[in-house]
N, C-alpha and C. Protein backbone atom coordinates (compact mmCIF):
# COMPACT_ATOMS: atom_id res chain seq x y z
N MET A 1 0.98 -0.99 -0.04
CA MET A 1 -0.09 0.15 0.28
C MET A 1 0.64 1.40 0.03
N ILE A 2 0.81 2.39 -1.38
CA ILE A 2 0.93 3.67 -0.97
C ILE A 2 0.67 4.39 -0.67
N ASP A 3 0.99 5.15 0.51
CA ASP A 3 0.54 6.62 0.92
C ASP A 3 1.29 7.58 0.80
N VAL A 4 0.42 8.55 0.40
CA VAL A 4 1.11 9.90 -0.26
C VAL A 4 0.31 11.20 0.81
N TYR A 5 1.38 11.83 1.74
CA TYR A 5 1.19 12.98 2.59
C TYR A 5 1.69 14.03 1.62
N SER A 6 0.71 14.99 1.90
CA SER A 6 1.08 16.07 0.84
C SER A 6 0.16 17.17 1.25
N ARG A 7 0.10 18.62 1.04
CA ARG A 7 -0.81 19.44 1.10
C ARG A 7 -1.09 20.46 -0.26
N ARG A 8 -2.08 20.95 -0.36
CA ARG A 8 -2.35 21.58 -1.42
C ARG A 8 -1.70 22.68 -1.75
N GLY A 9 -0.78 22.76 -2.77
CA GLY A 9 -0.45 24.13 -3.24
C GLY A 9 1.16 23.87 -3.46
N CYS A 10 1.43 22.08 -3.24
CA CYS A 10 3.08 21.71 -3.03
C CYS A 10 3.33 21.11 -4.37
N ASN A 11 3.92 21.74 -5.05
CA ASN A 11 4.37 21.36 -6.32
C ASN A 11 4.57 19.99 -6.67
N ALA A 12 5.95 19.60 -5.41
CA ALA A 12 6.69 18.51 -5.37
C ALA A 12 5.42 17.42 -5.00
N CYS A 13 4.51 17.68 -4.39
CA CYS A 13 3.82 16.42 -3.89
C CYS A 13 2.75 16.36 -5.51
N ASP A 14 2.46 17.22 -6.13
CA ASP A 14 2.03 17.07 -7.35
C ASP A 14 2.43 16.79 -7.91
N ARG A 15 4.13 16.54 -8.37
CA ARG A 15 4.68 15.96 -9.13
C ARG A 15 4.51 14.55 -9.11
N ILE A 16 5.38 14.05 -7.84
CA ILE A 16 4.90 12.43 -7.39
C ILE A 16 3.83 12.02 -7.45
N LYS A 17 2.47 12.72 -7.23
CA LYS A 17 1.21 12.02 -7.39
C LYS A 17 1.09 11.95 -9.17
N THR A 18 1.56 12.70 -10.03
CA THR A 18 1.71 12.57 -11.23
C THR A 18 2.33 11.54 -12.05
N ARG A 19 3.51 10.92 -11.28
CA ARG A 19 4.51 10.13 -11.54
C ARG A 19 3.82 8.98 -11.02
N LEU A 20 3.70 8.81 -9.78
CA LEU A 20 2.76 7.84 -9.44
C LEU A 20 1.52 7.30 -10.34
N ARG A 21 0.80 7.71 -10.56
CA ARG A 21 -0.04 7.99 -11.53
C ARG A 21 0.33 7.33 -13.15
N ALA A 22 1.13 7.89 -13.67
CA ALA A 22 2.13 7.48 -14.82
C ALA A 22 2.46 6.18 -14.90
N MET A 23 3.23 5.70 -13.57
CA MET A 23 3.67 4.73 -13.34
C MET A 23 2.38 3.69 -13.44
N GLY A 24 0.90 3.28 -13.07
CA GLY A 24 0.12 2.51 -12.97
C GLY A 24 0.04 2.42 -11.42
N LEU A 25 0.41 3.26 -10.77
CA LEU A 25 0.65 3.10 -8.87
C LEU A 25 -0.53 3.59 -8.20
N GLU A 26 -0.56 2.77 -7.60
CA GLU A 26 -1.97 3.45 -6.88
C GLU A 26 -1.65 3.95 -5.75
N TYR A 27 -2.50 4.45 -5.11
CA TYR A 27 -2.31 5.37 -3.79
C TYR A 27 -3.08 5.71 -3.09
N GLU A 28 -2.82 5.86 -1.51
CA GLU A 28 -4.31 7.00 -1.37
C GLU A 28 -3.27 7.57 -0.64
N GLU A 29 -4.20 9.15 -1.08
CA GLU A 29 -3.94 10.26 -0.55
C GLU A 29 -4.02 11.17 0.64
N HIS A 30 -3.45 11.83 1.55
CA HIS A 30 -4.08 12.15 2.84
C HIS A 30 -3.15 13.56 3.05
N ILE A 31 -4.56 14.61 2.32
CA ILE A 31 -3.89 15.99 2.79
C ILE A 31 -4.16 16.68 3.95
N ILE A 32 -2.44 17.22 4.37
CA ILE A 32 -3.02 17.45 5.25
C ILE A 32 -3.40 18.72 5.82
N GLY A 33 -4.19 18.87 6.75
CA GLY A 33 -5.05 20.12 7.21
C GLY A 33 -6.64 19.33 6.47
N GLU A 34 -6.78 18.30 5.89
CA GLU A 34 -8.24 18.25 5.49
C GLU A 34 -8.47 16.80 6.26
N ASP A 35 -7.55 15.82 5.50
CA ASP A 35 -8.14 14.12 5.71
C ASP A 35 -6.52 14.07 7.09
N THR A 36 -5.89 14.59 7.11
CA THR A 36 -5.39 14.10 8.41
C THR A 36 -4.96 15.63 9.07
N THR A 37 -4.05 15.53 10.27
CA THR A 37 -3.51 16.90 10.70
C THR A 37 -2.11 16.97 10.68
N ARG A 38 -1.71 18.06 10.95
CA ARG A 38 0.25 18.28 10.71
C ARG A 38 0.12 17.73 12.44
N GLU A 39 -0.04 17.79 13.33
CA GLU A 39 0.47 16.46 14.59
C GLU A 39 0.46 15.31 14.16
N TYR A 40 -0.65 14.70 13.57
CA TYR A 40 -0.35 13.24 13.45
C TYR A 40 1.13 12.91 12.43
N VAL A 41 0.87 13.88 11.24
CA VAL A 41 2.09 13.90 10.66
C VAL A 41 3.43 13.92 11.29
N LEU A 42 3.31 15.05 12.32
CA LEU A 42 4.73 15.20 13.13
C LEU A 42 4.89 14.16 14.09
N GLU A 43 3.93 13.44 14.71
CA GLU A 43 4.05 12.83 15.43
C GLU A 43 4.27 10.73 14.87
N ASN A 44 3.93 10.99 13.78
CA ASN A 44 4.16 9.44 12.92
C ASN A 44 5.20 9.85 11.67
N PHE A 45 5.19 10.30 11.78
CA PHE A 45 7.00 10.62 10.36
C PHE A 45 7.93 11.75 11.36
N ALA A 46 8.68 11.14 12.75
CA ALA A 46 9.17 12.39 12.93
C ALA A 46 10.71 12.33 12.16
N GLY A 47 11.12 13.67 12.10
CA GLY A 47 12.35 13.73 11.56
C GLY A 47 12.43 13.63 9.81
N GLN A 48 11.37 13.77 9.62
CA GLN A 48 10.46 13.61 8.34
C GLN A 48 10.17 15.37 7.76
N ASN A 49 10.76 15.86 7.03
CA ASN A 49 10.52 17.60 7.37
C ASN A 49 10.13 17.76 5.67
N SER A 50 9.98 17.38 4.92
CA SER A 50 10.16 17.18 3.89
C SER A 50 8.72 16.92 2.66
N LEU A 51 7.75 17.54 2.14
CA LEU A 51 6.84 16.98 1.53
C LEU A 51 7.31 16.77 -0.24
N PRO A 52 6.81 15.78 -1.03
CA PRO A 52 5.82 14.84 0.05
C PRO A 52 6.43 13.55 0.74
N ILE A 53 5.35 13.25 2.38
CA ILE A 53 5.95 11.78 2.33
C ILE A 53 5.29 10.81 1.63
N VAL A 54 6.12 9.95 1.16
CA VAL A 54 5.15 8.56 1.28
C VAL A 54 5.63 7.22 1.88
N SER A 55 4.57 6.83 2.17
CA SER A 55 5.22 5.42 3.08
C SER A 55 4.51 4.19 2.07
N VAL A 56 5.75 3.09 2.22
CA VAL A 56 5.11 2.25 1.07
C VAL A 56 5.00 1.52 1.99
N ASP A 57 4.24 0.34 2.50
CA ASP A 57 3.89 -0.70 3.40
C ASP A 57 5.39 -0.45 4.63
N GLY A 58 5.06 0.91 4.94
CA GLY A 58 5.70 1.01 6.53
C GLY A 58 7.22 1.44 6.04
N ILE A 59 7.66 1.75 4.75
CA ILE A 59 8.99 2.20 4.43
C ILE A 59 8.78 3.29 4.81
N VAL A 60 9.21 4.71 4.80
CA VAL A 60 9.18 6.46 4.88
C VAL A 60 9.95 6.86 3.61
N TYR A 61 9.66 7.63 2.45
CA TYR A 61 10.47 8.69 2.11
C TYR A 61 10.22 10.22 2.12
N SER A 62 10.79 10.82 2.35
CA SER A 62 10.13 12.43 1.99
C SER A 62 10.53 12.78 1.36
N GLY A 63 10.30 14.19 0.61
CA GLY A 63 10.59 15.16 -0.17
C GLY A 63 10.77 14.78 -1.61
N MET A 64 10.83 15.30 -2.43
CA MET A 64 11.04 15.08 -4.07
C MET A 64 12.12 14.25 -4.24
N VAL A 65 13.61 14.83 -4.04
CA VAL A 65 14.43 13.88 -4.41
C VAL A 65 14.31 12.42 -3.92
N GLU A 66 14.41 12.28 -2.78
CA GLU A 66 13.94 10.65 -1.51
C GLU A 66 12.97 9.87 -2.58
N VAL A 67 11.81 10.70 -2.58
CA VAL A 67 10.84 10.08 -3.59
C VAL A 67 11.20 9.22 -4.15
N SER A 68 11.52 10.67 -5.55
CA SER A 68 11.96 9.96 -7.15
C SER A 68 13.24 8.96 -6.93
N ASN A 69 14.24 9.22 -5.89
CA ASN A 69 14.93 8.14 -6.06
C ASN A 69 14.53 6.79 -6.09
N ALA A 70 13.97 6.50 -4.96
CA ALA A 70 13.04 5.15 -4.55
C ALA A 70 12.20 4.88 -5.96
N LEU A 71 11.48 5.47 -6.55
CA LEU A 71 10.78 5.55 -7.72
C LEU A 71 11.46 4.63 -8.66
N ASP A 72 12.55 5.49 -8.70
CA ASP A 72 13.93 5.33 -10.09
C ASP A 72 14.50 3.62 -9.82
N THR A 73 14.54 3.91 -8.38
CA THR A 73 15.52 2.68 -8.34
C THR A 73 14.26 1.56 -8.22
N TYR A 74 13.08 1.67 -7.62
CA TYR A 74 12.58 -0.01 -7.71
C TYR A 74 11.21 0.32 -8.80
N GLY A 75 11.19 1.34 -9.26
CA GLY A 75 9.49 1.08 -10.72
C GLY A 75 8.32 1.01 -9.66
N THR A 76 8.02 0.08 -10.68
CA THR A 76 6.33 -0.27 -10.57
C THR A 76 6.53 -1.31 -9.09
N ASP A 77 8.28 -1.74 -8.30
CA ASP A 77 7.73 -2.83 -7.89
C ASP A 77 8.12 -2.48 -6.55
N ILE A 78 8.54 -1.09 -6.64
CA ILE A 78 8.30 -0.35 -5.20
C ILE A 78 7.80 -1.39 -4.22
N GLY A 79 6.68 -1.58 -3.90
CA GLY A 79 6.62 -1.70 -2.39
C GLY A 79 6.72 -3.42 -2.21
N LYS A 80 6.59 -3.94 -3.36
CA LYS A 80 7.14 -5.77 -3.27
C LYS A 80 8.98 -5.71 -2.72
N THR A 81 9.57 -4.88 -3.74
CA THR A 81 10.87 -4.70 -3.69
C THR A 81 11.33 -4.19 -2.19
N LEU A 82 10.67 -3.37 -1.66
CA LEU A 82 11.02 -2.98 0.18
C LEU A 82 10.45 -4.21 1.10
N LEU A 83 9.70 -4.94 0.88
CA LEU A 83 9.38 -5.95 1.73
C LEU A 83 10.57 -7.05 1.60
N THR A 84 11.45 -7.17 0.15
CA THR A 84 12.15 -8.53 0.36
C THR A 84 13.69 -7.78 0.85
N GLU A 85 13.75 -6.72 1.24
CA GLU A 85 14.78 -5.84 1.67
C GLU A 85 15.62 -6.44 2.96
């Protein structure tokens, strides 16, 4: 399961969501301030200070560069590959 934590007006968030859709990867979006609170994100993703925050089966990536690198490395197998590492 891929969860994307983003906020409205976040260009990096929009770019990652567009890339996930283009790769045919399904995800659940959580918009901070609407679907989830800032406090929830800070509590559950301590140390992750860049958006988007992408959680793939419990493995967390944050920020445009880190998420892009993970997608470049694992492609559409991102969830499957991480579970076997």
